[in-house]
Each structure stands twice: as C-alpha cells, then as structure tokens.
Amino acid sequence: MGGYKRVIGIAFIWLIATVGWMVLGGVTTNRKETQETKLRDGVQSLWGRPQVQEAPTLTFTWATQESKQRTEQQNGVTTQVSEDVTVWHEDVLRTDSTHVDVDLRSDLRRKGLMWYSLYDVKFAARYGYEHAREEAGTLIVRFAFPDPNAIYPGFHFVVNGKDYSGELDASNGSVVARVPIAKGEHAEIAVRYESRGLDSWTYRPTQGVARLRDFALNMRTHFADIDFPVQTLSPSSRERTSDGWKLQWNFEQIVSGFGIGMITPQRLQPGELASALAFSAPISLFFFFLVIYVLATLRRIDIHPINYYFVSGAFFAFHLLFAYTADHLPVEAAFALCSAVSMALVVSYLRLVVSASFAWREAAFAQAVYLIGFSLAHFWEGFTGLTVTVLAILTLFVLMQLTGRVRWSSVLGATPSAPQVQPQPQNV
C-alpha cells in the first residue's frame, strides 16, 4: 500500500474510533445525569440539603397609650369624643454578641456513578442582648432551622435560662421565644443541636450588609481538604490538627454582608471521569498512532491500517470497560483493571503482527504514556491540561529528532518498507 493511502487509511480508522468515543461519552453523561436526578432526592430525604444557618432575629414590641378623637351622634347632635387606645409598635433589633462553635465531620457516600459529600454537624451558639431602650415590652426571639426537612437530635433553645424548644412554628420552620424585657435588662440566648447536611454548611449572621459586634465563630473540621464558598469571609486564624483544622473568625466590630461557610470534601465523580476520559481519548489515540507510524517507518515495519483498526479497538475497550465498571468498583480499581485489559490486548496482538520485542518495548511504552498517562492526568484536578501539554511537547521533540533527516515526500510516495533518508554530509 502506498504511503499516502496508508496515512489516509490510518486517519480513517482514527476518525471511526473518535465517533465511537463521542457516542460513548454522550451515553455515559446521560447515565450519570439520570442517576443523579433519580438518586439525589433520596439522598436529600435521608441526609438533608446544603444547610444555611441564620442568626436568630430579635423583634421588640411595646405598647403606648394614645388619645384619639371619634365622632358620635345622639338625638341629632354630633359630638367629638376623646378616648385612650392602645397602639402596638415593633422594631427589629440585633444581638450585641455572638459566639458560635461548629463541629463538622465528613461522611462521603457513593451511589452508582455518583459520590455524595455528606456531613454531620454539631452547632452550639450563645447570643447576648442588652436592652437600652426606654420602653419596656416583649422581646420576640425567633430561631430558624437551616433546613425545615432535616432532623435535629439534641435540640435546645434556651432564653434567660428557660427552654423554649417546644415553641415550634411549623409554618416557617422556626422556634419562637417571647420574653418580657425592660431598660437595662439582658437577654441570654443559647442554641444547640446536631444535624446532617449535604455539600456545604454556611452561617449567615445578617440579612444584607450590617454591623456585627463581639463576633466569634470557632469551626472544627475532621477533614483536611477544606474550601470556602463564594461570598464568605476568610478565617482570622487557622490551626492544623491531627485530623483536620481549627478555624476561627473573631471580630470586635465589622460591617459586612458576607457569611461564613465550609465546602465539605468532594470525591472524583466516576461518571464525570468516565465521560471526560471518553471525550479526550481521540487525543491519546492520535499520539499513539503517530508514534507507531513513525517507528514503523524508520524501522521498515509493515503495519497495515487494519492492524491499526484492531489496536484502536483495544484502546476503545479501556473506556468502554471503565464506563461500566466505575459504578461497581472503586475508581482506582476500575482504572487498574481497564489498563491491564487494554495493554494485554495491544501487546498480545502486536506480538503477532510485528514482534514480541516491539510489542513489549515500543508499543507498551507508548500505550502506557498516551493511554494510561493521559487518563491519569484527569485525576489531578487543575493539572490535566498542563500534563497533556507537557507530554505532547515532549512527543513532538522526540519525533522531530527521530525524523529530522527523513524525506517524507519519498516515504509517502512509496511503501514504508523502504524509507528514504537524507545522506550524511561527507567530510572532505
């Protein structure tokens, strides 16, 4: 087969494999999305949702006596009558101090092609308020649960020593305490509970921008991989522990509308990984074909496009097997299994087509770099593109050095069994 026809045949085989990988990637993505839609509601019903804990709201209500005029008619005579009426007022207040302790423990769970970042949270907070107004009245303290559908073992809501845990307002998922208060009196509020959530936990001290005074939040994580949600404050200090972090947010006074939060550890999603590997597979096959073609040209080895077709099938077997084992095995075990199967197919086949030494050395090494190496790069989040780029540049350099003296016009016009190489310059 002529050189040009051979290249066209190999390119056609690569194109067929590319179409197959695009179909496999689409099918895997659809399987992942279907499982996620089906399973997420069940996971949330068992473990809850991402929790956003808001600070308690304080509303002060008081009554005043005001004189109002009203008109009366009696025996055809209209008279103005003055009477005293009670008028109720209310004002929204803020706590004077906030001290919160949060303990987070990750509990990753897997279902099918999805990992779910679940967590256990222990929440304890103390709030203080000093009444500086002249009026006496009632202080209404409302504490809203972060998720009305979650469970809260060990819940206590104490105001001035009295437990109001039973004063539930089911209409908006909160508990309410009403305490009398006068000028100079204090209100001490204590809240404690345990709960479960998903993906992230956030504390929101204010609604909108407001001033916080005497604010302290201590967070203890039992995991080392920490990350903070967008529009949240960075900790004032952090300390590494044996199994996580101690984080502190301490402010004597701050004006902010941001909250404080933590994104719990995430695992590499098997479904997303399988789709990404399938969509990027044509790149790895392209480099493998290029290296094998150049080596065959330089060594005068006749490898027919049909041989390339079977090799591409062995590459495709890696991604097909991974797509359907990743939801049954740990990702690392599935990857190792698929790598072994694909390399066994390629090596055992090229051993018959070319030779055992070529199959075990050149072909196996190239497959390890371009199939397994390119695939492993997807495990290093943030470095995938850089890893592939470095391998591509190194491949380009090696091939340029190997083929710098090859006359490609002659090679592509003849069979690869007789490559033409430029003569070395002779010393005179």
Protein backbone atom coordinates (compact mmCIF):
# COMPACT_ATOMS: atom_id res chain seq x y z
CA MET A 1 0.00 0.00 0.00
CA GLY A 2 1.36 3.43 -0.96
CA GLY A 3 2.41 5.89 1.69
CA TYR A 4 -0.42 8.36 1.13
CA LYS A 5 -3.05 5.63 1.06
CA ARG A 6 -1.66 4.18 4.27
CA VAL A 7 -1.88 7.57 6.03
CA ILE A 8 -5.41 8.11 4.75
CA GLY A 9 -6.41 4.64 5.94
CA ILE A 10 -4.96 5.23 9.41
CA ALA A 11 -6.70 8.63 9.59
CA PHE A 12 -10.00 7.00 8.64
CA ILE A 13 -9.57 4.40 11.39
CA TRP A 14 -8.85 7.20 13.88
CA LEU A 15 -11.97 9.05 12.74
CA ILE A 16 -14.17 5.97 13.24
CA ALA A 17 -12.77 5.48 16.74
CA THR A 18 -13.39 9.17 17.51
CA VAL A 19 -17.05 8.86 16.58
CA GLY A 20 -17.35 5.80 18.82
CA TRP A 21 -15.80 7.68 21.76
CA MET A 22 -18.13 10.65 21.28
CA VAL A 23 -21.11 8.30 21.40
CA LEU A 24 -19.76 6.53 24.48
CA GLY A 25 -19.09 9.85 26.22
CA GLY A 26 -22.63 11.03 25.50
CA VAL A 27 -24.16 7.78 26.74
CA THR A 28 -22.09 7.89 29.92
CA THR A 29 -23.04 11.52 30.57
CA ASN A 30 -26.71 10.66 30.12
CA ARG A 31 -26.40 7.69 32.53
CA LYS A 32 -24.75 9.94 35.12
CA GLU A 33 -27.38 12.67 34.84
CA THR A 34 -30.20 10.13 35.01
CA GLN A 35 -28.75 8.53 38.14
CA GLU A 36 -28.11 11.91 39.74
CA THR A 37 -31.69 13.06 39.15
CA LYS A 38 -33.08 9.79 40.43
CA LEU A 39 -30.85 9.37 43.49
CA ARG A 40 -30.34 12.93 44.72
CA ASP A 41 -33.87 13.32 46.08
CA GLY A 42 -33.46 10.07 48.01
CA VAL A 43 -30.12 11.19 49.42
CA GLN A 44 -31.55 14.56 50.45
CA SER A 45 -34.53 12.93 52.12
CA LEU A 46 -32.15 10.85 54.24
CA TRP A 47 -29.37 13.37 54.88
CA GLY A 48 -30.83 16.79 54.22
CA ARG A 49 -29.68 19.55 51.91
CA PRO A 50 -26.90 22.15 51.95
CA GLN A 51 -27.51 23.94 55.24
CA VAL A 52 -27.53 27.70 55.73
CA GLN A 53 -27.89 28.60 59.39
CA GLU A 54 -29.13 32.13 60.02
CA ALA A 55 -28.65 34.09 63.21
CA PRO A 56 -31.76 34.46 65.40
CA THR A 57 -33.92 37.51 64.72
CA LEU A 58 -34.91 39.82 67.55
CA THR A 59 -38.12 41.83 67.42
CA PHE A 60 -39.04 44.22 70.23
CA THR A 61 -42.73 45.03 70.67
CA TRP A 62 -44.20 47.56 73.07
CA ALA A 63 -47.48 49.35 73.64
CA THR A 64 -48.30 53.03 74.10
CA GLN A 65 -51.49 54.80 75.07
CA GLU A 66 -52.65 57.42 72.61
CA SER A 67 -55.67 59.70 72.67
CA LYS A 68 -57.87 59.58 69.63
CA GLN A 69 -60.94 61.56 68.65
CA ARG A 70 -64.06 59.97 67.33
CA THR A 71 -67.46 61.36 66.30
CA GLU A 72 -70.73 60.37 67.97
CA GLN A 73 -74.30 61.30 67.09
CA GLN A 74 -77.02 61.24 69.70
CA ASN A 75 -80.52 62.75 69.34
CA GLY A 76 -79.36 64.53 66.20
CA VAL A 77 -76.46 66.14 67.97
CA THR A 78 -72.90 65.48 66.78
CA THR A 79 -70.18 65.47 69.41
CA GLN A 80 -66.43 64.76 69.46
CA VAL A 81 -65.42 62.12 71.96
CA SER A 82 -61.83 61.60 73.10
CA GLU A 83 -60.67 58.16 74.20
CA ASP A 84 -57.40 56.41 75.02
CA VAL A 85 -56.40 53.49 72.79
CA THR A 86 -53.51 51.04 72.94
CA VAL A 87 -51.11 51.23 69.98
CA TRP A 88 -48.60 48.46 69.42
CA HIS A 89 -45.15 49.12 67.99
CA GLU A 90 -42.34 46.85 66.91
CA ASP A 91 -38.71 47.27 65.99
CA VAL A 92 -36.15 44.81 64.61
CA LEU A 93 -33.01 44.58 66.74
CA ARG A 94 -29.64 42.84 66.56
CA THR A 95 -27.71 40.87 69.12
CA ASP A 96 -24.82 42.59 70.90
CA SER A 97 -22.62 39.49 70.96
CA THR A 98 -22.33 36.23 69.05
CA HIS A 99 -20.26 33.18 70.00
CA VAL A 100 -20.68 30.12 67.79
CA ASP A 101 -18.99 26.69 67.88
CA VAL A 102 -19.33 24.37 64.89
CA ASP A 103 -18.03 20.83 64.52
CA LEU A 104 -18.07 19.29 61.02
CA ARG A 105 -17.39 15.65 60.18
CA SER A 106 -17.37 14.40 56.57
CA ASP A 107 -19.19 11.21 55.59
CA LEU A 108 -18.81 10.54 51.86
CA ARG A 109 -21.35 8.13 50.39
CA ARG A 110 -21.44 6.57 46.92
CA LYS A 111 -24.42 5.52 44.86
CA GLY A 112 -23.83 4.26 41.31
CA LEU A 113 -21.80 6.77 39.31
CA MET A 114 -22.10 9.50 41.96
CA TRP A 115 -20.30 10.38 45.17
CA TYR A 116 -22.28 12.49 47.64
CA SER A 117 -20.47 14.79 50.05
CA LEU A 118 -22.46 14.26 53.24
CA TYR A 119 -21.54 15.61 56.66
CA ASP A 120 -22.53 15.62 60.33
CA VAL A 121 -22.67 18.99 62.08
CA LYS A 122 -22.76 19.93 65.75
CA PHE A 123 -23.89 23.50 66.33
CA ALA A 124 -23.75 25.45 69.59
CA ALA A 125 -24.20 29.21 69.89
CA ARG A 126 -24.62 31.87 72.56
CA TYR A 127 -26.05 35.29 71.86
CA GLY A 128 -26.30 38.32 74.12
CA TYR A 129 -28.58 41.34 74.01
CA GLU A 130 -28.82 44.33 76.35
CA HIS A 131 -31.98 46.40 76.21
CA ALA A 132 -31.06 50.08 76.00
CA ARG A 133 -34.44 51.50 75.00
CA GLU A 134 -36.56 53.47 77.42
CA GLU A 135 -39.67 51.45 76.64
CA ALA A 136 -40.45 48.15 78.32
CA GLY A 137 -42.10 45.44 76.30
CA THR A 138 -41.68 41.98 74.85
CA LEU A 139 -38.62 40.63 73.10
CA ILE A 140 -39.54 38.06 70.45
CA VAL A 141 -36.63 35.77 69.62
CA ARG A 142 -37.08 33.65 66.51
CA PHE A 143 -34.58 30.95 65.56
CA ALA A 144 -34.99 29.41 62.08
CA PHE A 145 -33.76 25.91 61.30
CA PRO A 146 -31.28 25.70 58.39
CA ASP A 147 -33.39 23.01 56.71
CA PRO A 148 -37.04 22.55 57.73
CA ASN A 149 -36.96 18.94 56.49
CA ALA A 150 -33.83 17.84 58.36
CA ILE A 151 -33.66 16.19 61.79
CA TYR A 152 -32.12 17.89 64.85
CA PRO A 153 -31.23 15.49 67.68
CA GLY A 154 -30.41 17.14 70.98
CA PHE A 155 -32.04 20.45 70.05
CA HIS A 156 -32.21 23.06 72.84
CA PHE A 157 -33.30 26.68 72.58
CA VAL A 158 -32.86 28.49 75.89
CA VAL A 159 -33.55 32.16 76.60
CA ASN A 160 -32.66 33.50 80.05
CA GLY A 161 -32.49 30.00 81.46
CA LYS A 162 -35.86 28.81 80.13
CA ASP A 163 -36.02 26.16 77.40
CA TYR A 164 -38.35 27.14 74.56
CA SER A 165 -37.59 24.11 72.38
CA GLY A 166 -41.26 23.19 72.25
CA GLU A 167 -42.41 26.57 70.95
CA LEU A 168 -42.30 25.48 67.34
CA ASP A 169 -43.73 27.48 64.47
CA ALA A 170 -44.31 24.79 61.86
CA SER A 171 -45.42 27.30 59.23
CA ASN A 172 -41.89 28.63 58.64
CA GLY A 173 -39.66 26.05 60.28
CA SER A 174 -38.58 28.02 63.34
CA VAL A 175 -38.90 28.17 67.12
CA VAL A 176 -40.02 31.32 68.94
CA ALA A 177 -39.49 32.66 72.47
CA ARG A 178 -41.31 35.68 73.92
CA VAL A 179 -39.75 37.22 76.99
CA PRO A 180 -40.57 40.46 78.84
CA ILE A 181 -37.78 43.00 78.91
CA ALA A 182 -37.15 46.47 80.32
CA LYS A 183 -34.38 49.04 80.08
CA GLY A 184 -31.03 47.72 81.28
CA GLU A 185 -32.07 44.06 81.28
CA HIS A 186 -30.14 41.37 79.43
CA ALA A 187 -31.29 38.50 77.26
CA GLU A 188 -29.04 35.46 77.06
CA ILE A 189 -29.84 33.10 74.18
CA ALA A 190 -28.34 29.62 73.82
CA VAL A 191 -28.92 27.19 70.94
CA ARG A 192 -27.59 23.68 70.48
CA TYR A 193 -28.33 20.86 68.04
CA GLU A 194 -26.87 18.13 65.85
CA SER A 195 -27.86 17.59 62.24
CA ARG A 196 -26.86 16.24 58.84
CA GLY A 197 -26.37 18.01 55.55
CA LEU A 198 -25.00 17.82 52.03
CA ASP A 199 -22.12 19.54 50.19
CA SER A 200 -21.76 22.74 52.27
CA TRP A 201 -22.54 24.38 55.59
CA THR A 202 -22.92 28.16 55.92
CA TYR A 203 -23.59 30.56 58.77
CA ARG A 204 -25.31 33.81 57.82
CA PRO A 205 -25.03 36.39 60.64
CA THR A 206 -27.08 39.09 58.90
CA GLN A 207 -29.55 39.65 56.12
CA GLY A 208 -27.72 42.08 53.88
CA VAL A 209 -24.95 44.41 54.99
CA ALA A 210 -24.92 45.13 58.72
CA ARG A 211 -22.61 45.80 61.64
CA LEU A 212 -21.52 42.91 63.82
CA ARG A 213 -20.14 43.40 67.31
CA ASP A 214 -18.29 40.97 69.55
CA PHE A 215 -18.47 38.20 66.98
CA ALA A 216 -16.62 34.89 67.29
CA LEU A 217 -17.12 31.66 65.37
CA ASN A 218 -14.94 28.62 66.02
CA MET A 219 -15.09 25.81 63.47
CA ARG A 220 -13.57 22.38 63.95
CA THR A 221 -13.29 20.19 60.87
CA HIS A 222 -12.46 16.49 60.96
CA PHE A 223 -11.14 16.59 57.40
CA ALA A 224 -8.05 18.23 55.90
CA ASP A 225 -9.42 19.16 52.46
CA ILE A 226 -11.11 22.48 53.21
CA ASP A 227 -12.62 25.04 50.86
CA PHE A 228 -14.78 28.11 51.41
CA PRO A 229 -17.94 29.04 49.47
CA VAL A 230 -18.04 32.20 47.41
CA GLN A 231 -19.00 35.41 49.21
CA THR A 232 -17.88 34.16 52.60
CA LEU A 233 -15.27 35.56 54.98
CA SER A 234 -11.81 34.05 55.32
CA PRO A 235 -10.89 32.85 58.82
CA SER A 236 -8.95 35.14 61.15
CA SER A 237 -6.72 32.23 62.12
CA ARG A 238 -6.28 28.55 61.33
CA GLU A 239 -4.51 25.70 63.08
CA ARG A 240 -3.78 22.23 61.73
CA THR A 241 -4.91 19.31 63.87
CA SER A 242 -4.32 15.58 63.65
CA ASP A 243 -7.44 15.02 61.53
CA GLY A 244 -8.47 18.45 60.25
CA TRP A 245 -8.43 22.14 61.09
CA LYS A 246 -9.37 24.58 63.84
CA LEU A 247 -10.63 27.76 62.19
CA GLN A 248 -11.55 31.00 63.94
CA TRP A 249 -13.41 34.11 62.85
CA ASN A 250 -13.01 36.83 65.52
CA PHE A 251 -14.19 40.41 65.08
CA GLU A 252 -14.69 43.07 67.73
CA GLN A 253 -16.64 45.01 65.14
CA ILE A 254 -17.13 44.52 61.41
CA VAL A 255 -19.51 45.76 58.73
CA SER A 256 -20.20 43.04 56.18
CA GLY A 257 -22.88 41.22 54.29
CA PHE A 258 -20.84 38.05 53.83
CA GLY A 259 -21.38 34.81 55.70
CA ILE A 260 -19.05 32.11 56.96
CA GLY A 261 -19.04 28.65 55.45
CA MET A 262 -17.30 25.44 54.54
CA ILE A 263 -17.48 23.21 51.48
CA THR A 264 -17.12 19.63 52.62
CA PRO A 265 -14.69 17.29 50.81
CA GLN A 266 -15.63 16.15 47.33
CA ARG A 267 -14.57 12.91 45.64
CA LEU A 268 -13.75 12.44 42.00
CA GLN A 269 -17.07 11.57 40.37
CA PRO A 270 -16.86 8.23 38.47
CA GLY A 271 -19.46 9.30 35.92
CA GLU A 272 -17.78 12.62 35.16
CA LEU A 273 -14.39 10.91 34.96
CA ALA A 274 -15.65 8.22 32.56
CA SER A 275 -17.18 10.87 30.29
CA ALA A 276 -14.05 13.03 30.37
CA LEU A 277 -11.83 10.06 29.52
CA ALA A 278 -14.03 9.10 26.58
CA PHE A 279 -14.16 12.63 25.17
CA SER A 280 -10.38 13.06 25.42
CA ALA A 281 -9.49 9.57 24.15
CA PRO A 282 -9.04 10.63 20.47
CA ILE A 283 -6.06 12.75 21.55
CA SER A 284 -4.28 9.81 23.16
CA LEU A 285 -5.00 7.54 20.19
CA PHE A 286 -3.72 10.20 17.77
CA PHE A 287 -0.34 10.39 19.53
CA PHE A 288 -0.12 6.61 19.80
CA PHE A 289 -0.83 6.16 16.10
CA LEU A 290 1.69 8.88 15.25
CA VAL A 291 4.46 7.28 17.31
CA ILE A 292 3.79 3.77 15.99
CA TYR A 293 3.65 5.04 12.38
CA VAL A 294 6.97 6.90 12.74
CA LEU A 295 8.68 3.91 14.37
CA ALA A 296 7.32 1.58 11.70
CA THR A 297 8.58 3.95 9.00
CA LEU A 298 12.06 4.25 10.48
CA ARG A 299 12.38 0.52 11.10
CA ARG A 300 10.78 -0.53 7.79
CA ILE A 301 7.95 -2.41 9.50
CA ASP A 302 4.80 -3.04 7.51
CA ILE A 303 1.75 -2.33 9.73
CA HIS A 304 -1.48 -2.27 7.74
CA PRO A 305 -4.38 0.12 8.56
CA ILE A 306 -6.43 -2.94 9.52
CA ASN A 307 -3.86 -3.57 12.24
CA TYR A 308 -4.38 0.00 13.43
CA TYR A 309 -8.11 -0.71 13.48
CA PHE A 310 -7.71 -3.59 15.93
CA VAL A 311 -5.37 -1.54 18.11
CA SER A 312 -7.94 1.28 18.24
CA GLY A 313 -10.46 -1.32 19.35
CA ALA A 314 -8.18 -2.24 22.25
CA PHE A 315 -7.99 1.44 23.21
CA PHE A 316 -11.76 1.74 22.99
CA ALA A 317 -12.12 -1.35 25.20
CA PHE A 318 -10.38 0.59 28.00
CA HIS A 319 -13.02 3.33 28.04
CA LEU A 320 -15.98 1.05 27.42
CA LEU A 321 -15.00 -1.24 30.29
CA PHE A 322 -14.27 1.71 32.59
CA ALA A 323 -17.67 3.29 31.87
CA TYR A 324 -19.47 0.15 33.08
CA THR A 325 -17.19 -0.87 35.95
CA ALA A 326 -16.78 2.57 37.55
CA ASP A 327 -20.22 2.32 39.16
CA HIS A 328 -19.45 -1.10 40.67
CA LEU A 329 -15.78 -0.84 41.69
CA PRO A 330 -13.67 1.88 43.32
CA VAL A 331 -12.41 4.24 40.63
CA GLU A 332 -8.78 3.24 41.24
CA ALA A 333 -9.57 -0.49 40.95
CA ALA A 334 -11.64 0.03 37.80
CA PHE A 335 -8.84 2.10 36.24
CA ALA A 336 -6.21 -0.55 37.03
CA LEU A 337 -8.40 -3.32 35.62
CA CYS A 338 -9.14 -1.46 32.38
CA SER A 339 -5.47 -0.52 31.92
CA ALA A 340 -4.37 -4.14 32.30
CA VAL A 341 -7.04 -5.41 29.86
CA SER A 342 -6.27 -2.82 27.19
CA MET A 343 -2.49 -3.27 27.39
CA ALA A 344 -2.88 -7.05 27.26
CA LEU A 345 -4.94 -6.72 24.07
CA VAL A 346 -2.45 -4.42 22.36
CA VAL A 347 0.72 -6.25 23.38
CA SER A 348 -0.61 -9.72 22.60
CA TYR A 349 -1.82 -8.51 19.18
CA LEU A 350 1.29 -6.58 18.09
CA ARG A 351 3.41 -9.51 19.25
CA LEU A 352 1.85 -11.44 16.38
CA VAL A 353 1.75 -8.57 13.88
CA VAL A 354 5.33 -7.31 14.39
CA SER A 355 7.42 -8.97 17.08
CA ALA A 356 7.45 -9.61 20.81
CA SER A 357 10.24 -7.11 21.39
CA PHE A 358 8.39 -4.33 19.52
CA ALA A 359 5.14 -5.11 21.34
CA TRP A 360 6.68 -5.18 24.82
CA ARG A 361 9.02 -2.23 24.43
CA GLU A 362 7.88 0.39 21.94
CA ALA A 363 4.13 -0.33 21.80
CA ALA A 364 3.66 -1.00 25.51
CA PHE A 365 5.65 2.10 26.47
CA ALA A 366 3.71 4.29 24.05
CA GLN A 367 0.39 2.94 25.31
CA ALA A 368 1.44 3.48 28.93
CA VAL A 369 2.25 7.11 28.15
CA TYR A 370 -0.59 8.07 25.84
CA LEU A 371 -3.47 5.96 27.11
CA ILE A 372 -2.74 5.43 30.79
CA GLY A 373 -0.69 8.61 31.30
CA PHE A 374 -3.23 10.86 29.55
CA SER A 375 -6.04 9.20 31.50
CA LEU A 376 -4.24 9.53 34.84
CA ALA A 377 -3.92 13.26 34.19
CA HIS A 378 -7.68 13.56 34.73
CA PHE A 379 -7.19 12.52 38.36
CA TRP A 380 -5.11 15.66 39.02
CA GLU A 381 -7.75 18.35 39.01
CA GLY A 382 -6.32 21.62 37.75
CA PHE A 383 -3.28 19.95 36.15
CA THR A 384 -4.94 17.86 33.43
CA GLY A 385 -4.35 20.32 30.60
CA LEU A 386 -0.80 21.07 31.72
CA THR A 387 0.09 17.37 31.92
CA VAL A 388 -1.26 16.64 28.44
CA THR A 389 0.51 19.71 27.05
CA VAL A 390 3.87 18.66 28.50
CA LEU A 391 3.54 15.11 27.15
CA ALA A 392 2.53 16.45 23.73
CA ILE A 393 5.54 18.79 23.58
CA LEU A 394 7.93 16.03 24.64
CA THR A 395 6.44 13.74 21.99
CA LEU A 396 6.86 16.44 19.36
CA PHE A 397 10.50 16.95 20.34
CA VAL A 398 11.35 13.23 20.20
CA LEU A 399 9.61 12.70 16.86
CA MET A 400 11.26 15.76 15.34
CA GLN A 401 14.67 14.44 16.35
CA LEU A 402 13.92 10.96 15.02
CA THR A 403 12.53 12.12 11.68
CA GLY A 404 14.60 15.21 11.00
CA ARG A 405 16.52 13.51 8.16
CA VAL A 406 13.58 11.59 6.65
CA ARG A 407 12.46 12.60 3.15
CA TRP A 408 8.71 12.46 3.66
CA SER A 409 7.97 13.15 0.00
CA SER A 410 9.72 9.90 -0.85
CA VAL A 411 8.31 7.99 2.12
CA LEU A 412 4.70 8.92 1.40
CA GLY A 413 5.13 8.04 -2.24
CA ALA A 414 6.48 4.57 -1.53
CA THR A 415 5.87 1.77 0.93
CA PRO A 416 7.18 2.23 4.46
CA SER A 417 9.48 -0.72 3.94
CA ALA A 418 11.91 1.49 2.02
CA PRO A 419 12.12 4.90 3.68
CA GLN A 420 14.43 7.45 2.09
CA VAL A 421 16.84 9.15 4.44
CA GLN A 422 18.92 12.18 3.53
CA PRO A 423 22.58 11.28 3.17
CA GLN A 424 25.01 12.41 5.86
CA PRO A 425 27.38 15.14 4.73
CA GLN A 426 30.84 13.80 3.89
CA ASN A 427 33.99 15.31 5.32
CA VAL A 428 36.43 16.28 2.59
